[in-house]
Amino acid sequence: MTENVNGGLTKEQLDFYEREGYLVLPSLLTPEELEPTKEAMNAKVSMIADHLLKDGLIDDPFIDRPFEKRLAEMFKDLTEEDFLKYGRSWRDRHPGYFQLMSNPKILDVVESLIGGEIFSSPVYNTRPKIPKVAAGAVPWHQDKSYWPGANANPVITVWIPIVDANEVNGCLHIKPKTHRKRLLEWHHEELTGTGYTALRENQLGNTPSVVLPVTAGSAIIFNDRCLHMSTPNRSEGVRWSVDLRYQPTDQDPMLNQGVGFLARSRKHPDRVATLEDWLAKRPEHEEVPS
């Protein structure tokens, strides 16, 4: 058995990440560890169902449907525009997301890459990729295009599917060895009307892309310059995923994107944010008078 070094990753895993620019960690999280995240997602779906019922767009909240099918069936007879009213990704402050972002397994992996002073970026997203919605397909891009002025390199993305992600429902595709590229000139794509940042075909280079189907609870790790995309959902269910981002505490906290939080500190563990801090949008722990 290979011994872990410097946090949660082995030397072989670190070498692969350094060379290829990404890393797949199969089954990092258990189904039990995913449950709070699913609860957060279900809470949002129930809220949307209430809105759709009130507006007369559906007559059934589909509460008896399986997790991976409910949202898809709610919008089966509606339009893309109906769905996009709720956004192409969600960033709700629900306890389930804080539990995920604070999971020690994830933080151990991140610590292997950037050290033990870890800031959880405000740029985290829940992505409900439903069938027939063009916005579910994300064009080739670099995450850094969304914060081009930040001195935040590396910002580490931890992408986690909550259901199995495959070529049918729209898994990730990555261009290996592109993590050392500069920030490329990007444009806003026009197909979906969502304003995704995108690269043109002639910017992608000759590096073959790698398709990354993974099971629920696995993780795909890469930094903010690595080229990646995902394909449309051609299944009958929802491809649920989250993308979390972490960076060293001595870099720009990207306040223009929201309020992140101190997720781990080996130097100042007393400053690590609690759930109550995060819900109150406090980036570090504060004793609040009772």
Protein backbone atom coordinates (compact mmCIF):
# COMPACT_ATOMS: atom_id res chain seq x y z
CA MET A 1 0.00 0.00 0.00
CA THR A 2 1.36 3.43 -0.95
CA GLU A 3 1.77 5.75 2.00
CA ASN A 4 0.05 9.11 1.91
CA VAL A 5 2.37 12.10 2.05
CA ASN A 6 1.65 15.76 2.77
CA GLY A 7 -2.07 15.43 3.45
CA GLY A 8 -4.54 13.18 1.66
CA LEU A 9 -2.69 12.26 -1.55
CA THR A 10 0.03 9.74 -2.25
CA LYS A 11 3.27 10.66 -3.98
CA GLU A 12 2.03 8.88 -7.13
CA GLN A 13 -1.18 10.92 -7.10
CA LEU A 14 0.71 14.16 -6.57
CA ASP A 15 3.08 13.31 -9.42
CA PHE A 16 0.13 12.56 -11.72
CA TYR A 17 -1.56 15.84 -10.81
CA GLU A 18 1.63 17.81 -11.35
CA ARG A 19 2.21 16.18 -14.73
CA GLU A 20 -1.34 15.94 -16.14
CA GLY A 21 -3.05 18.85 -14.39
CA TYR A 22 -5.96 16.88 -12.97
CA LEU A 23 -6.66 13.92 -10.72
CA VAL A 24 -9.60 11.53 -10.32
CA LEU A 25 -10.31 10.19 -6.84
CA PRO A 26 -12.89 7.39 -7.16
CA SER A 27 -15.47 7.07 -4.39
CA LEU A 28 -13.86 9.72 -2.18
CA LEU A 29 -17.12 10.28 -0.30
CA THR A 30 -19.60 7.70 0.95
CA PRO A 31 -23.35 7.82 0.22
CA GLU A 32 -23.85 8.84 3.85
CA GLU A 33 -21.48 11.77 3.43
CA LEU A 34 -23.44 12.91 0.36
CA GLU A 35 -26.80 12.89 2.16
CA PRO A 36 -26.61 16.46 3.58
CA THR A 37 -25.82 17.75 0.08
CA LYS A 38 -28.78 15.89 -1.37
CA GLU A 39 -30.96 17.36 1.38
CA ALA A 40 -29.83 20.83 0.36
CA MET A 41 -30.63 20.09 -3.27
CA ASN A 42 -34.02 18.62 -2.40
CA ALA A 43 -34.90 21.70 -0.36
CA LYS A 44 -34.27 23.89 -3.40
CA VAL A 45 -36.23 21.55 -5.68
CA SER A 46 -39.19 21.68 -3.29
CA MET A 47 -39.05 25.48 -3.27
CA ILE A 48 -39.07 25.52 -7.07
CA ALA A 49 -41.98 23.07 -7.13
CA ASP A 50 -43.96 25.41 -4.87
CA HIS A 51 -43.28 28.32 -7.25
CA LEU A 52 -44.30 26.30 -10.31
CA LEU A 53 -47.50 25.13 -8.59
CA LYS A 54 -48.35 28.69 -7.58
CA ASP A 55 -47.80 29.91 -11.15
CA GLY A 56 -49.95 27.11 -12.54
CA LEU A 57 -47.10 25.63 -14.59
CA ILE A 58 -47.38 22.22 -12.95
CA ASP A 59 -50.16 20.48 -11.04
CA ASP A 60 -48.00 17.90 -9.28
CA PRO A 61 -44.91 18.56 -7.10
CA PHE A 62 -43.57 15.07 -7.95
CA ILE A 63 -42.54 14.43 -4.35
CA ASP A 64 -42.73 10.67 -4.86
CA ARG A 65 -40.11 10.68 -7.65
CA PRO A 66 -36.52 9.52 -7.08
CA PHE A 67 -33.90 12.16 -6.33
CA GLU A 68 -32.28 11.92 -9.75
CA LYS A 69 -35.61 12.18 -11.61
CA ARG A 70 -37.76 14.70 -9.73
CA LEU A 71 -36.44 17.98 -11.14
CA ALA A 72 -36.30 16.56 -14.67
CA GLU A 73 -39.95 15.50 -14.52
CA MET A 74 -41.02 18.86 -13.11
CA PHE A 75 -39.62 20.62 -16.19
CA LYS A 76 -40.34 17.90 -18.76
CA ASP A 77 -43.19 19.85 -20.37
CA LEU A 78 -41.80 23.34 -19.70
CA THR A 79 -39.31 25.46 -21.60
CA GLU A 80 -35.62 26.24 -21.15
CA GLU A 81 -36.62 29.75 -20.17
CA ASP A 82 -38.83 28.39 -17.38
CA PHE A 83 -35.86 26.47 -15.97
CA LEU A 84 -33.31 29.25 -16.39
CA LYS A 85 -35.39 31.59 -14.23
CA TYR A 86 -33.82 29.66 -11.36
CA GLY A 87 -30.29 29.93 -12.73
CA ARG A 88 -27.92 27.51 -14.43
CA SER A 89 -26.18 26.94 -11.10
CA TRP A 90 -27.11 27.54 -7.49
CA ARG A 91 -25.12 28.98 -4.60
CA ASP A 92 -27.48 28.69 -1.64
CA ARG A 93 -26.25 28.90 1.96
CA HIS A 94 -27.68 25.63 3.17
CA PRO A 95 -26.01 23.63 5.97
CA GLY A 96 -25.59 20.67 3.65
CA TYR A 97 -23.20 22.59 1.43
CA PHE A 98 -21.12 23.80 4.36
CA GLN A 99 -20.79 20.20 5.55
CA LEU A 100 -19.53 19.20 2.12
CA MET A 101 -17.08 22.10 1.79
CA SER A 102 -15.74 21.36 5.28
CA ASN A 103 -15.42 17.60 4.78
CA PRO A 104 -12.01 16.51 6.14
CA LYS A 105 -11.42 14.12 3.24
CA ILE A 106 -11.72 16.98 0.76
CA LEU A 107 -9.61 19.31 2.87
CA ASP A 108 -6.91 16.65 3.22
CA VAL A 109 -6.69 16.41 -0.57
CA VAL A 110 -6.53 20.18 -0.96
CA GLU A 111 -3.90 20.44 1.77
CA SER A 112 -1.72 18.08 -0.25
CA LEU A 113 -1.76 20.64 -3.07
CA ILE A 114 -1.68 24.06 -1.40
CA GLY A 115 -0.79 23.52 2.25
CA GLY A 116 -2.68 23.72 5.52
CA GLU A 117 -3.97 27.31 5.34
CA ILE A 118 -7.10 26.76 3.24
CA PHE A 119 -9.74 29.30 2.23
CA SER A 120 -12.98 27.99 0.75
CA SER A 121 -13.74 30.26 -2.19
CA PRO A 122 -17.14 31.97 -2.48
CA VAL A 123 -17.32 30.46 -5.98
CA TYR A 124 -19.01 27.14 -5.25
CA ASN A 125 -21.85 25.88 -7.41
CA THR A 126 -24.61 23.31 -7.40
CA ARG A 127 -25.26 22.23 -10.96
CA PRO A 128 -28.56 20.57 -11.85
CA LYS A 129 -28.00 19.49 -15.45
CA ILE A 130 -31.44 18.49 -16.69
CA PRO A 131 -32.38 16.92 -20.04
CA LYS A 132 -33.12 19.12 -23.07
CA VAL A 133 -31.67 22.32 -21.58
CA ALA A 134 -28.84 23.69 -23.71
CA ALA A 135 -27.35 25.43 -20.68
CA GLY A 136 -26.48 22.02 -19.32
CA ALA A 137 -23.66 21.78 -21.83
CA VAL A 138 -20.67 23.84 -20.71
CA PRO A 139 -18.21 24.90 -23.46
CA TRP A 140 -14.44 24.56 -23.30
CA HIS A 141 -13.13 27.15 -20.85
CA GLN A 142 -10.73 27.94 -18.04
CA ASP A 143 -12.25 28.69 -14.64
CA LYS A 144 -9.86 31.61 -14.25
CA SER A 145 -11.81 33.44 -16.95
CA TYR A 146 -14.41 34.13 -14.24
CA TRP A 147 -11.90 35.92 -11.99
CA PRO A 148 -9.25 37.23 -14.41
CA GLY A 149 -8.12 40.06 -12.13
CA ALA A 150 -7.61 37.95 -9.01
CA ASN A 151 -4.11 36.95 -7.97
CA ALA A 152 -5.60 33.59 -7.14
CA ASN A 153 -3.44 30.89 -8.66
CA PRO A 154 -3.83 28.15 -7.96
CA VAL A 155 -7.52 28.07 -7.22
CA ILE A 156 -8.25 24.36 -6.87
CA THR A 157 -11.56 23.01 -8.17
CA VAL A 158 -12.99 19.89 -6.53
CA TRP A 159 -15.78 18.62 -8.78
CA ILE A 160 -18.07 16.03 -7.19
CA PRO A 161 -20.99 14.22 -8.86
CA ILE A 162 -23.93 13.46 -6.57
CA VAL A 163 -25.19 10.86 -9.05
CA ASP A 164 -23.09 8.78 -11.44
CA ALA A 165 -21.77 11.02 -14.24
CA ASN A 166 -21.24 9.42 -17.65
CA GLU A 167 -21.18 10.21 -21.36
CA VAL A 168 -24.97 9.99 -21.57
CA ASN A 169 -25.85 12.49 -18.83
CA GLY A 170 -22.90 14.82 -19.45
CA CYS A 171 -19.67 14.05 -17.61
CA LEU A 172 -16.56 16.24 -17.62
CA HIS A 173 -13.99 16.31 -20.43
CA ILE A 174 -10.50 17.65 -19.65
CA LYS A 175 -7.45 18.61 -21.70
CA PRO A 176 -4.46 17.13 -19.85
CA LYS A 177 -1.29 19.16 -19.41
CA THR A 178 -3.08 22.48 -20.05
CA HIS A 179 -2.83 23.62 -16.42
CA ARG A 180 0.26 25.69 -17.11
CA LYS A 181 -1.35 27.74 -19.86
CA ARG A 182 -1.79 31.46 -19.45
CA LEU A 183 -5.31 32.81 -19.25
CA LEU A 184 -6.52 32.58 -22.85
CA GLU A 185 -8.66 35.23 -24.51
CA TRP A 186 -12.25 34.14 -24.04
CA HIS A 187 -15.68 35.21 -25.26
CA HIS A 188 -19.24 34.80 -24.00
CA GLU A 189 -20.88 31.92 -25.82
CA GLU A 190 -24.26 32.65 -27.42
CA LEU A 191 -25.95 29.28 -27.82
CA THR A 192 -27.56 29.00 -24.40
CA GLY A 193 -28.07 32.62 -23.45
CA THR A 194 -26.32 32.02 -20.14
CA GLY A 195 -23.11 33.91 -20.90
CA TYR A 196 -20.70 31.07 -20.18
CA THR A 197 -17.12 32.04 -20.91
CA ALA A 198 -15.84 29.98 -23.82
CA LEU A 199 -12.82 29.32 -25.99
CA ARG A 200 -12.78 28.94 -29.75
CA GLU A 201 -11.78 25.73 -31.48
CA ASN A 202 -8.48 27.15 -32.68
CA GLN A 203 -7.46 27.89 -29.06
CA LEU A 204 -7.75 24.31 -27.83
CA GLY A 205 -4.51 23.00 -29.25
CA ASN A 206 -3.76 19.45 -30.32
CA THR A 207 -3.90 17.79 -26.91
CA PRO A 208 -6.51 15.00 -27.02
CA SER A 209 -9.25 15.44 -24.46
CA VAL A 210 -9.93 12.85 -21.77
CA VAL A 211 -13.49 11.80 -20.95
CA LEU A 212 -14.01 11.34 -17.21
CA PRO A 213 -17.06 9.24 -16.29
CA VAL A 214 -17.14 8.84 -12.50
CA THR A 215 -19.45 7.40 -9.88
CA ALA A 216 -21.33 9.43 -7.29
CA GLY A 217 -19.07 10.65 -4.50
CA SER A 218 -15.93 10.56 -6.61
CA ALA A 219 -13.92 13.76 -7.07
CA ILE A 220 -12.11 15.33 -10.01
CA ILE A 221 -9.43 17.84 -9.01
CA PHE A 222 -7.92 20.51 -11.29
CA ASN A 223 -6.80 24.13 -11.15
CA ASP A 224 -8.23 27.29 -12.65
CA ARG A 225 -6.20 27.19 -15.88
CA CYS A 226 -6.94 23.61 -16.89
CA LEU A 227 -9.16 23.44 -20.02
CA HIS A 228 -12.38 21.51 -19.44
CA MET A 229 -16.00 21.23 -20.57
CA SER A 230 -19.07 19.04 -20.18
CA THR A 231 -21.54 17.65 -22.69
CA PRO A 232 -25.36 17.86 -22.76
CA ASN A 233 -27.56 15.60 -20.68
CA ARG A 234 -29.19 13.03 -22.97
CA SER A 235 -30.57 10.88 -20.18
CA GLU A 236 -33.97 11.06 -18.52
CA GLY A 237 -32.62 12.11 -15.14
CA VAL A 238 -30.66 14.99 -13.62
CA ARG A 239 -26.88 15.00 -13.58
CA TRP A 240 -26.39 16.54 -10.16
CA SER A 241 -22.92 17.82 -9.30
CA VAL A 242 -21.15 20.40 -7.19
CA ASP A 243 -17.95 22.26 -7.89
CA LEU A 244 -16.09 23.56 -4.87
CA ARG A 245 -13.04 25.83 -4.93
CA TYR A 246 -10.20 26.31 -2.52
CA GLN A 247 -7.18 28.59 -2.40
CA PRO A 248 -4.37 29.53 0.01
CA THR A 249 -5.36 32.08 2.64
CA ASP A 250 -2.68 34.56 1.49
CA GLN A 251 -4.43 35.12 -1.85
CA ASP A 252 -7.27 37.37 -2.97
CA PRO A 253 -10.52 36.24 -1.25
CA MET A 254 -12.46 37.42 -4.33
CA LEU A 255 -14.96 39.48 -2.37
CA ASN A 256 -16.54 40.58 -5.64
CA GLN A 257 -17.75 36.96 -5.94
CA GLY A 258 -19.22 36.76 -2.43
CA VAL A 259 -17.96 35.73 1.00
CA GLY A 260 -15.92 32.56 1.41
CA PHE A 261 -14.61 31.12 4.66
CA LEU A 262 -11.54 29.80 6.43
CA ALA A 263 -11.94 26.04 6.06
CA ARG A 264 -8.70 24.86 7.69
CA SER A 265 -5.79 26.50 9.44
CA ARG A 266 -2.87 24.66 10.97
CA LYS A 267 -1.55 27.97 12.32
CA HIS A 268 -4.79 29.42 13.66
CA PRO A 269 -7.32 26.59 14.18
CA ASP A 270 -9.39 28.82 16.46
CA ARG A 271 -10.18 31.04 13.47
CA VAL A 272 -11.73 28.28 11.34
CA ALA A 273 -15.31 29.24 10.44
CA THR A 274 -18.23 27.33 11.93
CA LEU A 275 -21.57 26.71 10.26
CA GLU A 276 -23.01 29.67 12.16
CA ASP A 277 -20.21 31.91 10.87
CA TRP A 278 -20.79 30.79 7.30
CA LEU A 279 -24.56 31.26 7.47
CA ALA A 280 -23.92 34.79 8.79
CA LYS A 281 -21.37 35.41 6.01
CA ARG A 282 -18.47 35.75 8.42
CA PRO A 283 -15.24 34.52 6.76
CA GLU A 284 -13.65 33.47 10.08
CA HIS A 285 -14.90 32.32 13.44
CA GLU A 286 -16.14 35.05 15.73
CA GLU A 287 -17.50 34.74 19.24
CA VAL A 288 -20.93 36.32 19.03
CA PRO A 289 -22.33 37.73 22.30
CA SER A 290 -25.38 35.82 23.51
